């Protein structure tokens, strides 16, 4: 399925991102960690998972989670080109997120069966994305690109745009982003700390996921 109108594309993204207030951004180095990690996050109330294509087993992890854990909504991050976008779709990914955007990846997105959420950091990049029919964007890197104030400032001239801010966000700033009317969800990795991953402490990760959900409910 391709997305012939901005409304169709936006609806496809909204169906995914509205499922959880926080989108865990995951780098999986050991394929055996994929399912227990995904289960911990889903059980903790965070079913939408972004598996970054930064590791050799990332596509296999997406495929494994997609086939074995239907309650997860798994997609890919760090998608850089059309070939990777196609590979994510073939692996069973339900969405893709890029750290930036180029004319080539916008063209690939127009022909893709899964929605791409491109990243922008400036008004000019946002306008370029709108010209390609996009209305939902990752704001990245969020904290170093102006943070909450920057996202809030987009609401005036771009009233129909919604964001998933990602990059440097943690528990201390999450609620400020989620309180903005033009933010659907936020991306972060604080619920998957490196020491918990190294120890395979899935219960701790599940508890941190629950805390992230509770944090969002306080906005």
N, C-alpha and C. Protein backbone atom coordinates (compact mmCIF):
# COMPACT_ATOMS: atom_id res chain seq x y z
N UNK A 1 0.84 -1.20 0.00
CA UNK A 1 0.00 0.00 0.00
C UNK A 1 0.87 1.25 0.00
N UNK A 2 0.61 2.15 -0.92
CA UNK A 2 1.28 3.44 -0.92
C UNK A 2 0.30 4.48 -0.39
N UNK A 3 0.82 5.65 -0.09
CA UNK A 3 0.01 6.70 0.52
C UNK A 3 -0.14 7.84 -0.47
N UNK A 4 -1.32 7.95 -1.05
CA UNK A 4 -1.51 8.89 -2.16
C UNK A 4 -1.81 10.30 -1.69
N UNK A 5 -2.21 10.48 -0.44
CA UNK A 5 -2.52 11.82 0.06
C UNK A 5 -1.84 12.04 1.41
N UNK A 6 -1.57 13.30 1.76
CA UNK A 6 -1.01 13.58 3.09
C UNK A 6 -1.89 13.05 4.22
N UNK A 7 -3.21 13.11 4.04
CA UNK A 7 -4.12 12.64 5.08
C UNK A 7 -3.96 11.15 5.30
N UNK A 8 -3.82 10.37 4.23
CA UNK A 8 -3.63 8.93 4.37
C UNK A 8 -2.31 8.62 5.07
N UNK A 9 -1.28 9.34 4.69
CA UNK A 9 0.03 9.12 5.30
C UNK A 9 -0.01 9.47 6.78
N UNK A 10 -0.62 10.61 7.11
CA UNK A 10 -0.71 11.03 8.51
C UNK A 10 -1.51 10.04 9.33
N UNK A 11 -2.61 9.56 8.78
CA UNK A 11 -3.45 8.60 9.49
C UNK A 11 -2.69 7.32 9.79
N UNK A 12 -1.89 6.86 8.83
CA UNK A 12 -1.11 5.64 9.01
C UNK A 12 -0.09 5.80 10.14
N UNK A 13 0.52 6.97 10.22
CA UNK A 13 1.49 7.24 11.28
C UNK A 13 0.77 7.37 12.62
N UNK A 14 -0.34 8.09 12.64
CA UNK A 14 -1.06 8.31 13.89
C UNK A 14 -1.53 7.02 14.53
N UNK A 15 -2.00 6.09 13.71
CA UNK A 15 -2.46 4.80 14.23
C UNK A 15 -1.35 4.11 15.02
N UNK A 16 -0.12 4.31 14.60
CA UNK A 16 1.03 3.70 15.27
C UNK A 16 1.45 4.51 16.48
N UNK A 17 1.75 5.78 16.29
CA UNK A 17 2.35 6.59 17.36
C UNK A 17 1.41 6.88 18.51
N UNK A 18 0.12 6.85 18.26
CA UNK A 18 -0.83 7.11 19.33
C UNK A 18 -1.03 5.93 20.27
N UNK A 19 -0.37 4.81 19.98
CA UNK A 19 -0.51 3.63 20.83
C UNK A 19 0.27 3.74 22.13
N UNK A 20 1.23 4.65 22.22
CA UNK A 20 2.02 4.77 23.44
C UNK A 20 2.62 6.16 23.52
N UNK A 21 2.76 6.71 24.73
CA UNK A 21 3.29 8.07 24.89
C UNK A 21 4.80 8.15 24.70
N UNK A 22 5.48 7.01 24.80
CA UNK A 22 6.93 6.98 24.65
C UNK A 22 7.29 5.86 23.68
N UNK A 23 8.20 6.17 22.78
CA UNK A 23 8.68 5.22 21.77
C UNK A 23 10.10 4.80 22.16
N UNK A 24 10.29 3.61 22.70
CA UNK A 24 11.64 3.17 23.03
C UNK A 24 12.52 3.07 21.79
N UNK A 25 13.69 3.66 21.87
CA UNK A 25 14.67 3.62 20.78
C UNK A 25 15.73 2.60 21.16
N UNK A 26 15.81 1.52 20.41
CA UNK A 26 16.57 0.34 20.84
C UNK A 26 17.68 -0.01 19.87
N UNK A 27 18.86 -0.30 20.41
CA UNK A 27 19.98 -0.83 19.64
C UNK A 27 20.24 -2.24 20.16
N UNK A 28 19.87 -3.26 19.38
CA UNK A 28 19.97 -4.65 19.82
C UNK A 28 21.22 -5.27 19.19
N UNK A 29 22.17 -5.65 20.03
CA UNK A 29 23.43 -6.22 19.55
C UNK A 29 23.42 -7.73 19.54
N UNK A 30 22.60 -8.33 20.40
CA UNK A 30 22.50 -9.79 20.50
C UNK A 30 21.08 -10.18 20.12
N UNK A 31 20.94 -10.96 19.07
CA UNK A 31 19.62 -11.34 18.59
C UNK A 31 18.80 -12.05 19.66
N UNK A 32 19.46 -12.75 20.56
CA UNK A 32 18.74 -13.46 21.61
C UNK A 32 18.06 -12.52 22.60
N UNK A 33 18.46 -11.26 22.59
CA UNK A 33 17.84 -10.28 23.49
C UNK A 33 16.55 -9.71 22.91
N UNK A 34 16.33 -9.89 21.64
CA UNK A 34 15.24 -9.19 20.96
C UNK A 34 13.88 -9.47 21.59
N UNK A 35 13.53 -10.74 21.71
CA UNK A 35 12.19 -11.08 22.22
C UNK A 35 12.00 -10.76 23.69
N UNK A 36 12.93 -11.13 24.57
CA UNK A 36 12.71 -10.78 25.98
C UNK A 36 12.68 -9.27 26.22
N UNK A 37 13.46 -8.52 25.47
CA UNK A 37 13.42 -7.07 25.60
C UNK A 37 12.09 -6.54 25.13
N UNK A 38 11.63 -7.00 23.99
CA UNK A 38 10.36 -6.54 23.46
C UNK A 38 9.22 -6.89 24.41
N UNK A 39 9.24 -8.11 24.96
CA UNK A 39 8.19 -8.51 25.89
C UNK A 39 8.18 -7.62 27.13
N UNK A 40 9.35 -7.31 27.64
CA UNK A 40 9.44 -6.47 28.84
C UNK A 40 8.82 -5.10 28.58
N UNK A 41 9.12 -4.52 27.43
CA UNK A 41 8.60 -3.19 27.11
C UNK A 41 7.09 -3.23 26.85
N UNK A 42 6.64 -4.24 26.12
CA UNK A 42 5.20 -4.37 25.85
C UNK A 42 4.44 -4.59 27.16
N UNK A 43 4.96 -5.47 28.01
CA UNK A 43 4.31 -5.72 29.28
C UNK A 43 4.28 -4.48 30.16
N UNK A 44 5.27 -3.62 29.98
CA UNK A 44 5.33 -2.37 30.74
C UNK A 44 4.48 -1.26 30.17
N UNK A 45 3.81 -1.52 29.04
CA UNK A 45 2.90 -0.54 28.47
C UNK A 45 3.44 0.25 27.31
N UNK A 46 4.58 -0.18 26.77
CA UNK A 46 5.18 0.53 25.63
C UNK A 46 5.27 -0.44 24.43
N UNK A 47 4.20 -0.57 23.67
CA UNK A 47 4.17 -1.57 22.60
C UNK A 47 4.82 -1.14 21.29
N UNK A 48 5.07 0.16 21.11
CA UNK A 48 5.64 0.64 19.85
C UNK A 48 7.16 0.70 20.01
N UNK A 49 7.87 -0.06 19.21
CA UNK A 49 9.31 -0.24 19.39
C UNK A 49 10.08 0.18 18.14
N UNK A 50 11.07 1.02 18.32
CA UNK A 50 11.95 1.43 17.23
C UNK A 50 13.28 0.71 17.36
N UNK A 51 13.54 -0.23 16.46
CA UNK A 51 14.81 -0.96 16.43
C UNK A 51 15.74 -0.24 15.47
N UNK A 52 16.78 0.38 15.97
CA UNK A 52 17.66 1.15 15.10
C UNK A 52 18.53 0.22 14.26
N UNK A 53 18.76 0.62 13.03
CA UNK A 53 19.59 -0.19 12.12
C UNK A 53 21.06 0.16 12.33
N UNK A 54 21.48 0.08 13.56
CA UNK A 54 22.87 0.38 13.91
C UNK A 54 23.66 -0.87 14.23
N UNK A 55 22.99 -2.00 14.25
CA UNK A 55 23.66 -3.25 14.59
C UNK A 55 23.43 -4.28 13.49
N UNK A 56 24.29 -5.28 13.46
CA UNK A 56 24.23 -6.27 12.39
C UNK A 56 22.95 -7.11 12.42
N UNK A 57 22.37 -7.28 13.61
CA UNK A 57 21.21 -8.16 13.72
C UNK A 57 19.89 -7.39 13.78
N UNK A 58 19.91 -6.10 13.49
CA UNK A 58 18.71 -5.28 13.65
C UNK A 58 17.52 -5.79 12.82
N UNK A 59 17.75 -6.09 11.55
CA UNK A 59 16.65 -6.57 10.71
C UNK A 59 16.15 -7.93 11.17
N UNK A 60 17.05 -8.79 11.61
CA UNK A 60 16.63 -10.09 12.15
C UNK A 60 15.82 -9.91 13.43
N UNK A 61 16.21 -8.91 14.24
CA UNK A 61 15.46 -8.64 15.47
C UNK A 61 14.04 -8.18 15.13
N UNK A 62 13.92 -7.32 14.14
CA UNK A 62 12.58 -6.86 13.72
C UNK A 62 11.75 -8.05 13.25
N UNK A 63 12.35 -8.90 12.44
CA UNK A 63 11.63 -10.06 11.92
C UNK A 63 11.20 -10.99 13.04
N UNK A 64 12.07 -11.22 14.00
CA UNK A 64 11.76 -12.12 15.10
C UNK A 64 10.63 -11.56 15.96
N UNK A 65 10.71 -10.27 16.29
CA UNK A 65 9.67 -9.67 17.12
C UNK A 65 8.34 -9.62 16.38
N UNK A 66 8.39 -9.25 15.11
CA UNK A 66 7.15 -9.14 14.32
C UNK A 66 6.44 -10.48 14.20
N UNK A 67 7.20 -11.57 14.10
CA UNK A 67 6.58 -12.88 13.90
C UNK A 67 6.16 -13.53 15.20
N UNK A 68 6.87 -13.24 16.30
CA UNK A 68 6.62 -13.96 17.55
C UNK A 68 5.84 -13.17 18.59
N UNK A 69 5.73 -11.86 18.40
CA UNK A 69 5.07 -11.03 19.42
C UNK A 69 4.10 -10.07 18.74
N UNK A 70 2.91 -10.56 18.40
CA UNK A 70 1.96 -9.73 17.67
C UNK A 70 1.46 -8.52 18.43
N UNK A 71 1.62 -8.52 19.75
CA UNK A 71 1.20 -7.35 20.54
C UNK A 71 2.18 -6.19 20.41
N UNK A 72 3.34 -6.42 19.84
CA UNK A 72 4.31 -5.36 19.60
C UNK A 72 4.07 -4.71 18.24
N UNK A 73 4.30 -3.42 18.18
CA UNK A 73 4.25 -2.68 16.92
C UNK A 73 5.69 -2.27 16.64
N UNK A 74 6.36 -3.09 15.85
CA UNK A 74 7.80 -2.93 15.70
C UNK A 74 8.14 -2.27 14.36
N UNK A 75 9.09 -1.33 14.43
CA UNK A 75 9.57 -0.66 13.25
C UNK A 75 11.06 -0.41 13.37
N UNK A 76 11.60 0.35 12.46
CA UNK A 76 13.04 0.58 12.41
C UNK A 76 13.37 2.05 12.50
N UNK A 77 14.50 2.32 13.13
CA UNK A 77 15.06 3.67 13.14
C UNK A 77 16.39 3.67 12.41
N UNK A 78 16.96 4.85 12.23
CA UNK A 78 18.22 5.04 11.50
C UNK A 78 18.12 4.47 10.09
N UNK A 79 16.97 4.66 9.47
CA UNK A 79 16.78 4.25 8.07
C UNK A 79 17.30 5.37 7.18
N UNK A 80 18.30 5.06 6.37
CA UNK A 80 19.03 6.09 5.64
C UNK A 80 18.71 6.17 4.16
N UNK A 81 18.12 5.12 3.59
CA UNK A 81 17.89 5.14 2.15
C UNK A 81 16.75 4.19 1.78
N UNK A 82 16.42 4.18 0.51
CA UNK A 82 15.31 3.37 0.03
C UNK A 82 15.54 1.89 0.19
N UNK A 83 16.77 1.43 0.04
CA UNK A 83 17.06 0.01 0.18
C UNK A 83 16.79 -0.45 1.61
N UNK A 84 17.19 0.35 2.57
CA UNK A 84 16.93 -0.01 3.96
C UNK A 84 15.43 0.03 4.26
N UNK A 85 14.73 1.01 3.70
CA UNK A 85 13.29 1.09 3.90
C UNK A 85 12.60 -0.17 3.38
N UNK A 86 13.01 -0.62 2.22
CA UNK A 86 12.44 -1.84 1.64
C UNK A 86 12.78 -3.06 2.49
N UNK A 87 13.99 -3.10 3.02
CA UNK A 87 14.41 -4.23 3.85
C UNK A 87 13.60 -4.29 5.15
N UNK A 88 13.29 -3.13 5.71
CA UNK A 88 12.49 -3.09 6.93
C UNK A 88 11.09 -3.65 6.66
N UNK A 89 10.49 -3.23 5.55
CA UNK A 89 9.16 -3.73 5.19
C UNK A 89 9.19 -5.24 4.97
N UNK A 90 10.24 -5.72 4.31
CA UNK A 90 10.36 -7.16 4.05
C UNK A 90 10.53 -7.96 5.33
N UNK A 91 11.13 -7.34 6.35
CA UNK A 91 11.35 -8.01 7.63
C UNK A 91 10.10 -8.01 8.51
N UNK A 92 9.07 -7.33 8.08
CA UNK A 92 7.84 -7.28 8.86
C UNK A 92 7.68 -6.03 9.68
N UNK A 93 8.58 -5.06 9.48
CA UNK A 93 8.46 -3.80 10.20
C UNK A 93 7.20 -3.05 9.78
N UNK A 94 6.59 -2.37 10.72
CA UNK A 94 5.34 -1.67 10.44
C UNK A 94 5.54 -0.19 10.17
N UNK A 95 6.73 0.32 10.44
CA UNK A 95 7.02 1.72 10.18
C UNK A 95 8.54 1.89 10.13
N UNK A 96 8.98 3.04 9.65
CA UNK A 96 10.40 3.35 9.61
C UNK A 96 10.59 4.81 9.98
N UNK A 97 11.73 5.09 10.59
CA UNK A 97 12.06 6.45 11.01
C UNK A 97 13.47 6.76 10.52
N UNK A 98 13.63 7.92 9.93
CA UNK A 98 14.95 8.32 9.45
C UNK A 98 15.49 9.45 10.33
N UNK A 99 16.82 9.58 10.45
CA UNK A 99 17.40 10.64 11.27
C UNK A 99 17.45 11.98 10.55
N UNK A 100 17.08 11.98 9.29
CA UNK A 100 17.04 13.19 8.46
C UNK A 100 16.17 12.89 7.27
N UNK A 101 16.33 13.65 6.21
CA UNK A 101 15.53 13.38 5.02
C UNK A 101 16.23 13.92 3.79
N UNK A 102 16.08 13.18 2.68
CA UNK A 102 16.64 13.58 1.39
C UNK A 102 15.56 13.39 0.33
N UNK A 103 15.69 14.03 -0.83
CA UNK A 103 14.72 13.77 -1.90
C UNK A 103 14.61 12.29 -2.24
N UNK A 104 15.73 11.58 -2.18
CA UNK A 104 15.71 10.15 -2.53
C UNK A 104 14.88 9.34 -1.54
N UNK A 105 15.03 9.61 -0.27
CA UNK A 105 14.27 8.82 0.70
C UNK A 105 12.80 9.23 0.69
N UNK A 106 12.51 10.48 0.38
CA UNK A 106 11.11 10.88 0.23
C UNK A 106 10.48 10.14 -0.96
N UNK A 107 11.24 9.97 -2.02
CA UNK A 107 10.72 9.23 -3.18
C UNK A 107 10.48 7.77 -2.82
N UNK A 108 11.42 7.19 -2.07
CA UNK A 108 11.24 5.81 -1.63
C UNK A 108 10.02 5.68 -0.73
N UNK A 109 9.80 6.66 0.13
CA UNK A 109 8.65 6.64 1.04
C UNK A 109 7.35 6.68 0.26
N UNK A 110 7.34 7.41 -0.84
CA UNK A 110 6.13 7.52 -1.65
C UNK A 110 5.74 6.19 -2.27
N UNK A 111 6.71 5.30 -2.43
CA UNK A 111 6.46 4.00 -3.06
C UNK A 111 6.42 2.85 -2.05
N UNK A 112 6.60 3.17 -0.76
CA UNK A 112 6.72 2.14 0.25
C UNK A 112 5.36 1.66 0.75
N UNK A 113 5.33 0.42 1.22
CA UNK A 113 4.12 -0.15 1.81
C UNK A 113 3.97 0.22 3.28
N UNK A 114 5.02 0.75 3.89
CA UNK A 114 4.96 1.15 5.30
C UNK A 114 5.27 2.64 5.41
N UNK A 115 4.73 3.31 6.42
CA UNK A 115 4.96 4.75 6.53
C UNK A 115 6.36 5.08 7.03
N UNK A 116 6.94 6.11 6.46
CA UNK A 116 8.21 6.66 6.92
C UNK A 116 7.93 7.92 7.72
N UNK A 117 8.60 8.03 8.86
CA UNK A 117 8.55 9.25 9.66
C UNK A 117 9.91 9.91 9.53
N UNK A 118 10.01 10.94 8.70
CA UNK A 118 11.31 11.59 8.49
C UNK A 118 11.63 12.56 9.62
N UNK A 119 12.90 12.80 9.83
CA UNK A 119 13.32 13.73 10.87
C UNK A 119 13.64 15.09 10.29
N UNK A 120 13.28 16.11 11.06
CA UNK A 120 13.62 17.48 10.69
C UNK A 120 14.14 18.20 11.95
N UNK A 121 14.88 19.28 11.71
CA UNK A 121 15.36 20.09 12.84
C UNK A 121 15.10 21.57 12.62
N UNK A 122 14.67 21.95 11.40
CA UNK A 122 14.45 23.35 11.08
C UNK A 122 13.14 23.54 10.33
N UNK A 123 12.67 24.78 10.28
CA UNK A 123 11.44 25.09 9.55
C UNK A 123 11.60 24.81 8.06
N UNK A 124 12.77 25.07 7.51
CA UNK A 124 12.99 24.82 6.08
C UNK A 124 12.91 23.33 5.77
N UNK A 125 13.51 22.50 6.64
CA UNK A 125 13.42 21.05 6.45
C UNK A 125 11.98 20.58 6.57
N UNK A 126 11.24 21.17 7.49
CA UNK A 126 9.84 20.83 7.67
C UNK A 126 9.03 21.17 6.43
N UNK A 127 9.26 22.34 5.87
CA UNK A 127 8.54 22.75 4.66
C UNK A 127 8.87 21.84 3.48
N UNK A 128 10.13 21.40 3.40
CA UNK A 128 10.51 20.47 2.33
C UNK A 128 9.75 19.15 2.48
N UNK A 129 9.63 18.69 3.72
CA UNK A 129 8.89 17.47 3.96
C UNK A 129 7.42 17.62 3.62
N UNK A 130 6.86 18.76 3.91
CA UNK A 130 5.46 19.01 3.58
C UNK A 130 5.24 18.99 2.07
N UNK A 131 6.21 19.49 1.32
CA UNK A 131 6.11 19.46 -0.14
C UNK A 131 6.04 18.03 -0.66
N UNK A 132 6.59 17.10 0.11
CA UNK A 132 6.55 15.68 -0.28
C UNK A 132 5.35 14.96 0.33
N UNK A 133 4.44 15.69 0.93
CA UNK A 133 3.21 15.09 1.43
C UNK A 133 3.24 14.59 2.85
N UNK A 134 4.26 14.98 3.62
CA UNK A 134 4.38 14.51 4.99
C UNK A 134 3.84 15.55 5.97
N UNK A 135 3.20 15.06 7.04
CA UNK A 135 2.68 15.93 8.09
C UNK A 135 3.07 15.44 9.48
N UNK A 136 3.78 14.35 9.55
CA UNK A 136 4.24 13.79 10.82
C UNK A 136 5.75 13.61 10.74
N UNK A 137 6.44 14.16 11.74
CA UNK A 137 7.90 14.18 11.69
C UNK A 137 8.52 13.82 13.03
N UNK A 138 9.70 13.25 12.96
CA UNK A 138 10.57 13.15 14.12
C UNK A 138 11.31 14.49 14.24
N UNK A 139 11.35 15.07 15.41
CA UNK A 139 12.16 16.28 15.64
C UNK A 139 13.45 15.81 16.29
N UNK A 140 14.56 15.94 15.55
CA UNK A 140 15.82 15.32 15.97
C UNK A 140 17.02 16.14 15.51
N UNK A 141 18.05 16.24 16.34
CA UNK A 141 18.11 15.82 17.74
C UNK A 141 17.41 16.85 18.63
N UNK A 142 16.44 16.43 19.38
CA UNK A 142 15.50 17.34 20.03
C UNK A 142 16.17 18.33 20.98
N UNK A 143 16.89 17.84 21.95
CA UNK A 143 17.43 18.73 22.98
C UNK A 143 18.45 19.71 22.42
N UNK A 144 19.31 19.25 21.53
CA UNK A 144 20.34 20.14 20.99
C UNK A 144 19.84 21.00 19.83
N UNK A 145 18.58 20.79 19.42
CA UNK A 145 18.00 21.60 18.33
C UNK A 145 16.99 22.61 18.84
N UNK A 146 17.00 22.86 20.12
CA UNK A 146 16.10 23.87 20.68
C UNK A 146 15.09 23.35 21.66
N UNK A 147 14.97 22.03 21.78
CA UNK A 147 14.14 21.43 22.80
C UNK A 147 12.67 21.79 22.73
N UNK A 148 12.07 21.86 23.90
CA UNK A 148 10.64 22.12 24.02
C UNK A 148 10.26 23.44 23.36
N UNK A 149 11.07 24.45 23.56
CA UNK A 149 10.76 25.77 22.99
C UNK A 149 10.69 25.73 21.47
N UNK A 150 11.58 24.98 20.86
CA UNK A 150 11.59 24.89 19.40
C UNK A 150 10.34 24.18 18.89
N UNK A 151 9.99 23.06 19.52
CA UNK A 151 8.80 22.32 19.09
C UNK A 151 7.56 23.19 19.25
N UNK A 152 7.48 23.87 20.37
CA UNK A 152 6.32 24.74 20.64
C UNK A 152 6.21 25.84 19.59
N UNK A 153 7.35 26.36 19.14
CA UNK A 153 7.33 27.46 18.18
C UNK A 153 6.82 27.03 16.81
N UNK A 154 6.92 25.74 16.49
CA UNK A 154 6.41 25.25 15.20
C UNK A 154 4.88 25.27 15.15
N UNK A 155 4.23 25.27 16.30
CA UNK A 155 2.77 25.14 16.32
C UNK A 155 2.06 26.30 15.65
N UNK A 156 2.64 27.49 15.71
CA UNK A 156 1.99 28.66 15.11
C UNK A 156 1.89 28.57 13.59
N UNK A 157 3.02 28.53 12.89
CA UNK A 157 2.97 28.51 11.42
C UNK A 157 2.63 27.14 10.83
N UNK A 158 2.73 26.07 11.63
CA UNK A 158 2.51 24.71 11.10
C UNK A 158 1.49 24.00 11.99
N UNK A 159 0.27 24.48 11.96
CA UNK A 159 -0.75 24.04 12.92
C UNK A 159 -1.15 22.58 12.75
N UNK A 160 -0.99 22.02 11.55
CA UNK A 160 -1.45 20.63 11.33
C UNK A 160 -0.32 19.62 11.40
N UNK A 161 0.85 20.05 11.87
CA UNK A 161 2.00 19.16 11.96
C UNK A 161 2.11 18.59 13.36
N UNK A 162 2.44 17.29 13.46
CA UNK A 162 2.66 16.65 14.74
C UNK A 162 4.05 16.01 14.76
N UNK A 163 4.61 15.95 15.95
CA UNK A 163 6.01 15.53 16.09
C UNK A 163 6.19 14.37 17.06
N UNK A 164 7.30 13.67 16.84
CA UNK A 164 7.85 12.71 17.80
C UNK A 164 9.26 13.19 18.12
N UNK A 165 9.42 14.10 19.09
CA UNK A 165 10.76 14.57 19.45
C UNK A 165 11.60 13.42 20.01
N UNK A 166 12.86 13.38 19.59
CA UNK A 166 13.78 12.32 20.01
C UNK A 166 15.19 12.88 20.07
N UNK A 167 15.94 12.44 21.05
CA UNK A 167 17.34 12.86 21.15
C UNK A 167 17.62 13.64 22.41
N UNK A 168 18.19 12.97 23.40
CA UNK A 168 18.54 13.63 24.65
C UNK A 168 17.40 13.78 25.64
N UNK A 169 16.24 13.19 25.35
CA UNK A 169 15.09 13.33 26.23
C UNK A 169 15.14 12.25 27.30
N UNK A 170 14.85 12.65 28.53
CA UNK A 170 14.81 11.72 29.65
C UNK A 170 13.63 12.03 30.55
N UNK A 171 13.55 11.37 31.69
CA UNK A 171 12.41 11.59 32.59
C UNK A 171 12.23 13.04 33.02
N UNK A 172 13.33 13.77 33.13
CA UNK A 172 13.24 15.15 33.61
C UNK A 172 12.57 16.09 32.61
N UNK A 173 12.65 15.76 31.32
CA UNK A 173 12.10 16.65 30.29
C UNK A 173 10.91 16.05 29.55
N UNK A 174 10.64 14.77 29.75
CA UNK A 174 9.61 14.09 28.97
C UNK A 174 8.25 14.76 29.09
N UNK A 175 7.84 15.10 30.31
CA UNK A 175 6.51 15.67 30.50
C UNK A 175 6.35 17.01 29.80
N UNK A 176 7.43 17.79 29.73
CA UNK A 176 7.34 19.10 29.07
C UNK A 176 7.06 18.94 27.58
N UNK A 177 7.65 17.94 26.96
CA UNK A 177 7.37 17.67 25.55
C UNK A 177 5.95 17.15 25.37
N UNK A 178 5.57 16.20 26.19
CA UNK A 178 4.26 15.56 26.04
C UNK A 178 3.10 16.52 26.32
N UNK A 179 3.38 17.59 27.03
CA UNK A 179 2.34 18.58 27.31
C UNK A 179 2.03 19.46 26.10
N UNK A 180 2.87 19.43 25.07
CA UNK A 180 2.67 20.26 23.89
C UNK A 180 1.59 19.66 22.99
N UNK A 181 0.76 20.52 22.45
CA UNK A 181 -0.36 20.05 21.63
C UNK A 181 0.09 19.45 20.30
N UNK A 182 1.28 19.78 19.84
CA UNK A 182 1.75 19.26 18.56
C UNK A 182 2.72 18.08 18.71
N UNK A 183 2.75 17.48 19.89
CA UNK A 183 3.57 16.29 20.14
C UNK A 183 2.65 15.09 20.36
N UNK A 184 2.84 14.06 19.55
CA UNK A 184 2.05 12.83 19.68
C UNK A 184 2.70 11.88 20.67
N UNK A 185 3.99 11.71 20.54
CA UNK A 185 4.75 10.83 21.41
C UNK A 185 6.19 11.31 21.40
N UNK A 186 7.02 10.75 22.25
CA UNK A 186 8.44 11.11 22.29
C UNK A 186 9.27 9.83 22.19
N UNK A 187 10.47 9.96 21.64
CA UNK A 187 11.38 8.84 21.57
C UNK A 187 12.45 8.95 22.64
N UNK A 188 12.85 7.82 23.19
CA UNK A 188 13.89 7.82 24.21
C UNK A 188 14.38 6.44 24.51
N UNK A 189 15.48 6.37 25.24
CA UNK A 189 16.06 5.07 25.58
C UNK A 189 16.34 4.94 27.07
N UNK A 190 15.85 5.89 27.88
CA UNK A 190 16.18 5.85 29.29
C UNK A 190 15.57 4.64 30.00
N UNK A 191 14.52 4.07 29.45
CA UNK A 191 13.91 2.88 30.07
C UNK A 191 14.67 1.59 29.75
N UNK A 192 15.73 1.72 28.94
CA UNK A 192 16.57 0.56 28.60
C UNK A 192 18.03 0.93 28.89
N UNK A 193 18.37 1.12 30.17
CA UNK A 193 19.75 1.50 30.50
C UNK A 193 20.75 0.40 30.16
N UNK A 194 21.96 0.81 29.86
CA UNK A 194 22.97 -0.14 29.40
C UNK A 194 23.26 -1.22 30.43
N UNK A 195 23.26 -0.86 31.71
CA UNK A 195 23.58 -1.86 32.72
C UNK A 195 22.46 -2.90 32.84
N UNK A 196 21.22 -2.47 32.65
CA UNK A 196 20.11 -3.43 32.68
C UNK A 196 20.16 -4.36 31.49
N UNK A 197 20.53 -3.84 30.33
CA UNK A 197 20.67 -4.68 29.15
C UNK A 197 21.81 -5.67 29.33
N UNK A 198 22.93 -5.20 29.86
CA UNK A 198 24.08 -6.08 30.06
C UNK A 198 23.74 -7.22 31.03
N UNK A 199 22.93 -6.91 32.04
CA UNK A 199 22.55 -7.92 33.03
C UNK A 199 21.33 -8.72 32.60
N UNK A 200 20.74 -8.34 31.45
CA UNK A 200 19.48 -8.95 30.98
C UNK A 200 18.42 -8.91 32.08
N UNK A 201 18.33 -7.74 32.70
CA UNK A 201 17.38 -7.54 33.79
C UNK A 201 16.06 -7.06 33.19
N UNK A 202 15.32 -8.00 32.62
CA UNK A 202 14.10 -7.66 31.91
C UNK A 202 13.03 -7.10 32.84
N UNK A 203 13.02 -7.56 34.10
CA UNK A 203 12.03 -7.03 35.04
C UNK A 203 12.28 -5.55 35.33
N UNK A 204 13.53 -5.18 35.46
CA UNK A 204 13.84 -3.76 35.69
C UNK A 204 13.42 -2.92 34.50
N UNK A 205 13.66 -3.42 33.30
CA UNK A 205 13.26 -2.69 32.10
C UNK A 205 11.74 -2.57 32.03
N UNK A 206 11.03 -3.64 32.38
CA UNK A 206 9.57 -3.57 32.41
C UNK A 206 9.10 -2.52 33.42
N UNK A 207 9.74 -2.48 34.58
CA UNK A 207 9.36 -1.50 35.60
C UNK A 207 9.63 -0.07 35.12
N UNK A 208 10.75 0.13 34.44
CA UNK A 208 11.07 1.46 33.91
C UNK A 208 10.08 1.86 32.82
N UNK A 209 9.64 0.89 32.04
CA UNK A 209 8.62 1.18 31.02
C UNK A 209 7.33 1.63 31.69
N UNK A 210 6.93 0.96 32.76
CA UNK A 210 5.72 1.36 33.48
C UNK A 210 5.87 2.78 34.05
N UNK A 211 7.04 3.09 34.54
CA UNK A 211 7.29 4.43 35.07
C UNK A 211 7.18 5.48 33.97
N UNK A 212 7.64 5.13 32.76
CA UNK A 212 7.54 6.06 31.64
C UNK A 212 6.09 6.32 31.28
N UNK A 213 5.28 5.27 31.29
CA UNK A 213 3.84 5.43 31.01
C UNK A 213 3.19 6.29 32.08
N UNK A 214 3.53 6.04 33.34
CA UNK A 214 2.94 6.81 34.44
C UNK A 214 3.37 8.27 34.37
N UNK A 215 4.60 8.49 33.97
CA UNK A 215 5.11 9.86 33.81
C UNK A 215 4.29 10.60 32.78
N UNK A 216 3.99 9.95 31.69
CA UNK A 216 3.22 10.59 30.63
C UNK A 216 1.80 10.92 31.07
N UNK A 217 1.23 10.08 31.93
CA UNK A 217 -0.13 10.30 32.40
C UNK A 217 -0.23 11.52 33.30
N UNK A 218 0.91 12.00 33.78
CA UNK A 218 0.91 13.16 34.67
C UNK A 218 0.87 14.48 33.92
N UNK A 219 0.93 14.44 32.59
CA UNK A 219 0.91 15.68 31.81
C UNK A 219 -0.50 16.23 31.72
